[in-house]
Amino acid sequence: MGFYETVFSPVLGPLLRLGPFWAIFIISLFLAFLTTIIHKYATDQKRMKELKEEMKEHQRLMKENKHDISKVSELQKETMKRSMEQMKHSFKAMIYTFIPLILIFGWMNVYLSYEPVMVGEEITLTANFLEGITGETELVSVPAGLTFEKTAKIEAGKAIWRIKAEKEGNYLLNVGYKDKTFSRELLITSEFKYFPQLQEFKEKGSEVKSLALGYNKLRPLNGIPWIGGLSWFWLYVLLSIGFSMLLRKAMKVY
């Protein structure tokens, strides 16, 4: 998360203040514009237009000669050649856009996957232990303002607490096991912010593998029939396809 926090959050972070839908909307529009511009200037547009027209003509001829198997077969071969050439031209543009897209997708996956935790909302904290560990563990030195059961049993390698907050703030949750303490942060806020869902502990000899918060998954279109269950990724895909089609048509990109 540190990389995304340092590199992308100063630029993309302010969009979260608009709400998740508009953040995804603006990012989708920007990326569609970026990829369209790169495709336009990284490919031979004159040749791309010719290829598109040739394939369209081949499709027309195949319909006209649908009873002539030999003719249709020959046209299909020619269409395949044009399609492969078209893909070859597009590949260069794909290379230029691949890394920026992957990095921004990574940022979106970190910051747009879950809903924030608000005052009075119950959330679970799960401590994941090494295989074979049993007994009890407890939350220790937890700041005031949280409601929870102090002790939890370790069952099937997990100990789970249900926590509620009485006021907004950044709370440090400390899980005590034997003589060790494992900590992670919990943010309670009405703004669209949250800390990473998983905090891992990779130190040698650590009985606790990770501490996980049970966030609710973000559904940007929640409440809208048919598409209310879409995650940020599928909303991005739908918006991106629409924006790309409009921009390519407006900018005459083939």
Protein backbone atom coordinates (compact mmCIF):
# COMPACT_ATOMS: atom_id res chain seq x y z
CA MET A 1 0.00 0.00 0.00
CA GLY A 2 2.94 2.34 0.61
CA PHE A 3 3.74 2.60 -3.11
CA TYR A 4 0.18 3.52 -4.04
CA GLU A 5 -0.07 5.91 -1.08
CA THR A 6 3.09 7.74 -2.16
CA VAL A 7 2.72 7.75 -5.95
CA PHE A 8 -0.99 7.69 -6.79
CA SER A 9 -2.94 8.90 -3.75
CA PRO A 10 -1.79 12.55 -4.03
CA VAL A 11 -3.32 12.62 -7.54
CA LEU A 12 -6.24 10.18 -7.35
CA GLY A 13 -7.02 10.42 -3.63
CA PRO A 14 -8.99 13.71 -3.85
CA LEU A 15 -11.45 11.99 -6.21
CA LEU A 16 -12.63 9.81 -3.30
CA ARG A 17 -14.18 12.90 -1.71
CA LEU A 18 -16.68 12.92 -4.58
CA GLY A 19 -17.81 9.42 -3.64
CA PRO A 20 -16.86 6.05 -5.13
CA PHE A 21 -19.17 6.25 -8.18
CA TRP A 22 -17.82 9.58 -9.39
CA ALA A 23 -14.25 8.56 -8.61
CA ILE A 24 -14.66 5.47 -10.82
CA PHE A 25 -16.51 7.55 -13.46
CA ILE A 26 -13.71 10.12 -13.75
CA ILE A 27 -10.90 7.53 -13.69
CA SER A 28 -12.70 5.48 -16.37
CA LEU A 29 -13.10 8.55 -18.58
CA PHE A 30 -9.47 9.56 -18.12
CA LEU A 31 -8.12 6.09 -18.90
CA ALA A 32 -10.41 5.74 -21.93
CA PHE A 33 -9.14 9.10 -23.22
CA LEU A 34 -5.51 8.15 -22.51
CA THR A 35 -5.74 4.80 -24.29
CA THR A 36 -7.59 6.35 -27.24
CA ILE A 37 -4.94 9.06 -27.68
CA ILE A 38 -2.11 6.53 -27.45
CA HIS A 39 -3.84 4.22 -29.91
CA LYS A 40 -4.36 7.09 -32.34
CA TYR A 41 -0.72 8.18 -32.43
CA ALA A 42 0.98 4.81 -31.88
CA THR A 43 -0.71 3.13 -34.85
CA ASP A 44 -0.87 3.77 -38.59
CA GLN A 45 -4.40 5.14 -38.69
CA LYS A 46 -4.51 5.24 -42.49
CA ARG A 47 -3.73 1.53 -42.69
CA MET A 48 -6.06 0.73 -39.78
CA LYS A 49 -8.91 2.45 -41.63
CA GLU A 50 -8.10 0.49 -44.80
CA LEU A 51 -8.10 -2.79 -42.88
CA LYS A 52 -11.44 -2.00 -41.28
CA GLU A 53 -13.00 -1.15 -44.64
CA GLU A 54 -11.53 -4.25 -46.29
CA MET A 55 -12.89 -6.55 -43.57
CA LYS A 56 -16.29 -4.86 -43.82
CA GLU A 57 -16.27 -5.46 -47.57
CA HIS A 58 -15.28 -9.09 -47.05
CA GLN A 59 -18.22 -9.56 -44.70
CA ARG A 60 -20.56 -8.09 -47.31
CA LEU A 61 -19.18 -10.42 -50.00
CA MET A 62 -19.52 -13.46 -47.71
CA LYS A 63 -23.21 -12.69 -47.26
CA GLU A 64 -23.67 -12.31 -51.02
CA ASN A 65 -21.82 -15.57 -51.73
CA LYS A 66 -23.01 -17.62 -48.77
CA HIS A 67 -23.90 -20.55 -51.03
CA ASP A 68 -20.45 -20.59 -52.63
CA ILE A 69 -18.41 -22.48 -50.02
CA SER A 70 -15.13 -22.05 -51.88
CA LYS A 71 -15.62 -18.29 -52.22
CA VAL A 72 -16.64 -17.88 -48.59
CA SER A 73 -13.62 -19.91 -47.43
CA GLU A 74 -11.27 -17.69 -49.44
CA LEU A 75 -12.87 -14.54 -48.06
CA GLN A 76 -12.57 -15.89 -44.51
CA LYS A 77 -8.85 -16.46 -45.02
CA GLU A 78 -8.41 -12.92 -46.29
CA THR A 79 -10.41 -11.54 -43.40
CA MET A 80 -8.24 -13.47 -40.95
CA LYS A 81 -5.10 -12.00 -42.52
CA ARG A 82 -6.49 -8.48 -42.16
CA SER A 83 -7.52 -9.19 -38.58
CA MET A 84 -4.03 -10.43 -37.68
CA GLU A 85 -2.46 -7.35 -39.25
CA GLN A 86 -4.87 -5.15 -37.31
CA MET A 87 -3.88 -6.88 -34.06
CA LYS A 88 -0.20 -6.41 -34.90
CA HIS A 89 -0.71 -2.67 -35.31
CA SER A 90 -2.69 -2.47 -32.06
CA PHE A 91 -0.12 -4.41 -30.03
CA LYS A 92 2.30 -1.49 -29.88
CA ALA A 93 -0.36 0.76 -28.36
CA MET A 94 -1.26 -1.99 -25.87
CA ILE A 95 2.35 -2.13 -24.65
CA TYR A 96 2.34 1.61 -23.93
CA THR A 97 -0.91 1.46 -21.95
CA PHE A 98 -0.44 -1.84 -20.10
CA ILE A 99 1.75 -0.67 -17.21
CA PRO A 100 -0.21 2.54 -16.40
CA LEU A 101 -3.47 0.60 -16.46
CA ILE A 102 -2.17 -2.15 -14.17
CA LEU A 103 -0.81 0.37 -11.66
CA ILE A 104 -4.02 2.39 -11.54
CA PHE A 105 -6.06 -0.82 -11.25
CA GLY A 106 -3.89 -1.72 -8.26
CA TRP A 107 -4.67 1.61 -6.61
CA MET A 108 -8.40 1.21 -7.29
CA ASN A 109 -8.37 -2.30 -5.84
CA VAL A 110 -6.82 -0.99 -2.62
CA TYR A 111 -9.04 2.08 -2.18
CA LEU A 112 -12.34 1.15 -3.86
CA SER A 113 -12.99 -2.44 -2.77
CA TYR A 114 -14.68 -1.84 0.60
CA GLU A 115 -17.05 0.49 2.41
CA PRO A 116 -15.76 2.63 5.29
CA VAL A 117 -16.73 1.76 8.88
CA MET A 118 -19.06 4.26 10.55
CA VAL A 119 -20.02 5.00 14.15
CA GLY A 120 -22.29 2.30 15.59
CA GLU A 121 -21.55 -0.15 12.79
CA GLU A 122 -20.36 -3.60 13.84
CA ILE A 123 -17.17 -4.93 12.29
CA THR A 124 -15.24 -8.12 12.91
CA LEU A 125 -11.55 -8.43 13.68
CA THR A 126 -10.14 -11.86 12.85
CA ALA A 127 -6.76 -13.05 14.10
CA ASN A 128 -5.41 -15.86 11.92
CA PHE A 129 -3.06 -18.17 13.83
CA LEU A 130 -0.58 -20.82 12.76
CA GLU A 131 -2.02 -24.28 12.31
CA GLY A 132 -2.46 -26.23 15.53
CA ILE A 133 -2.63 -23.27 17.92
CA THR A 134 -5.58 -23.39 20.34
CA GLY A 135 -6.65 -21.70 23.56
CA GLU A 136 -7.65 -18.09 24.11
CA THR A 137 -6.40 -14.68 23.11
CA GLU A 138 -7.53 -11.17 23.98
CA LEU A 139 -7.59 -7.55 22.94
CA VAL A 140 -5.27 -5.52 25.15
CA SER A 141 -4.66 -1.81 25.73
CA VAL A 142 -7.53 -0.86 23.42
CA PRO A 143 -8.43 2.87 23.57
CA ALA A 144 -11.77 4.05 24.98
CA GLY A 145 -14.72 4.38 22.63
CA LEU A 146 -14.92 0.77 21.44
CA THR A 147 -17.41 -1.91 22.51
CA PHE A 148 -16.17 -5.51 22.34
CA GLU A 149 -15.66 -8.78 24.20
CA LYS A 150 -12.10 -8.78 25.49
CA THR A 151 -11.39 -12.52 25.21
CA ALA A 152 -11.89 -14.77 22.17
CA LYS A 153 -11.38 -18.50 21.69
CA ILE A 154 -9.01 -19.74 19.03
CA GLU A 155 -11.02 -22.19 16.91
CA ALA A 156 -9.84 -23.68 13.61
CA GLY A 157 -6.89 -21.30 13.71
CA LYS A 158 -9.02 -18.17 14.08
CA ALA A 159 -10.08 -15.84 16.87
CA ILE A 160 -12.88 -13.39 16.11
CA TRP A 161 -14.05 -10.23 17.88
CA ARG A 162 -17.11 -8.11 17.08
CA ILE A 163 -16.38 -4.45 17.58
CA LYS A 164 -18.45 -1.23 17.58
CA ALA A 165 -17.23 2.34 17.92
CA GLU A 166 -19.01 5.13 19.79
CA LYS A 167 -17.23 7.94 17.95
CA GLU A 168 -15.08 8.58 14.90
CA GLY A 169 -11.35 8.15 15.14
CA ASN A 170 -8.30 6.07 14.41
CA TYR A 171 -8.14 3.14 16.85
CA LEU A 172 -5.18 0.86 17.47
CA LEU A 173 -6.30 -2.74 18.01
CA ASN A 174 -3.83 -4.87 19.96
CA VAL A 175 -4.16 -8.65 20.05
CA GLY A 176 -2.25 -10.25 22.90
CA TYR A 177 -1.08 -13.85 22.75
CA LYS A 178 1.32 -15.23 25.36
CA ASP A 179 3.96 -12.52 25.79
CA LYS A 180 3.50 -10.93 22.35
CA THR A 181 1.27 -8.17 21.00
CA PHE A 182 0.08 -7.88 17.40
CA SER A 183 -1.36 -4.54 16.33
CA ARG A 184 -3.30 -3.00 13.48
CA GLU A 185 -5.35 0.16 12.93
CA LEU A 186 -9.11 0.59 12.56
CA LEU A 187 -10.52 3.81 11.10
CA ILE A 188 -14.05 4.91 12.02
CA THR A 189 -15.24 7.72 9.75
CA SER A 190 -18.16 9.04 7.70
CA GLU A 191 -15.74 9.88 4.88
CA PHE A 192 -14.78 7.40 2.17
CA LYS A 193 -11.60 6.13 3.83
CA TYR A 194 -10.40 2.87 5.33
CA PHE A 195 -7.18 1.09 6.22
CA PRO A 196 -6.07 -2.08 4.37
CA GLN A 197 -8.27 -5.10 5.07
CA LEU A 198 -5.34 -7.40 5.92
CA GLN A 199 -2.35 -6.77 8.17
CA GLU A 200 0.22 -9.58 7.83
CA PHE A 201 2.95 -10.57 10.29
CA LYS A 202 5.83 -12.36 8.60
CA GLU A 203 8.35 -12.27 11.44
CA LYS A 204 9.97 -15.61 12.22
CA GLY A 205 8.29 -17.30 15.19
CA SER A 206 5.11 -15.22 14.97
CA GLU A 207 2.08 -17.26 16.08
CA VAL A 208 -0.30 -14.78 14.44
CA LYS A 209 -0.18 -14.81 10.65
CA SER A 210 -2.49 -11.84 10.10
CA LEU A 211 -5.21 -9.57 11.46
CA ALA A 212 -8.15 -9.03 9.11
CA LEU A 213 -11.04 -6.57 9.30
CA GLY A 214 -14.43 -7.75 8.05
CA TYR A 215 -15.28 -4.82 5.81
CA ASN A 216 -18.41 -4.83 3.68
CA LYS A 217 -17.72 -5.04 -0.04
CA LEU A 218 -18.26 -1.79 -1.92
CA ARG A 219 -21.18 -1.81 -4.39
CA PRO A 220 -21.08 1.62 -6.12
CA LEU A 221 -24.50 1.09 -7.75
CA ASN A 222 -26.18 -0.50 -4.73
CA GLY A 223 -29.96 -0.25 -4.93
CA ILE A 224 -30.16 -0.10 -8.73
CA PRO A 225 -31.96 -3.15 -10.19
CA TRP A 226 -29.90 -5.69 -12.14
CA ILE A 227 -26.57 -3.88 -11.72
CA GLY A 228 -26.65 -2.96 -8.03
CA GLY A 229 -24.31 -5.82 -7.10
CA LEU A 230 -21.48 -4.79 -9.42
CA SER A 231 -18.05 -4.21 -7.89
CA TRP A 232 -15.82 -1.27 -8.78
CA PHE A 233 -14.08 -3.38 -11.46
CA TRP A 234 -17.23 -4.25 -13.42
CA LEU A 235 -18.52 -0.70 -13.16
CA TYR A 236 -15.17 0.45 -14.57
CA VAL A 237 -15.43 -2.08 -17.42
CA LEU A 238 -18.92 -0.89 -18.41
CA LEU A 239 -17.99 2.79 -18.25
CA SER A 240 -14.70 2.23 -20.05
CA ILE A 241 -16.35 0.41 -22.96
CA GLY A 242 -18.91 3.19 -23.35
CA PHE A 243 -16.35 6.00 -23.13
CA SER A 244 -13.95 4.25 -25.52
CA MET A 245 -16.65 3.79 -28.16
CA LEU A 246 -17.70 7.44 -27.94
CA LEU A 247 -14.14 8.80 -27.96
CA ARG A 248 -13.00 6.60 -30.85
CA LYS A 249 -15.97 7.74 -32.90
CA ALA A 250 -15.50 11.42 -32.01
CA MET A 251 -11.73 11.33 -32.65
CA LYS A 252 -12.02 9.06 -35.71
CA VAL A 253 -9.72 6.40 -34.28
CA TYR A 254 -9.71 3.02 -36.04
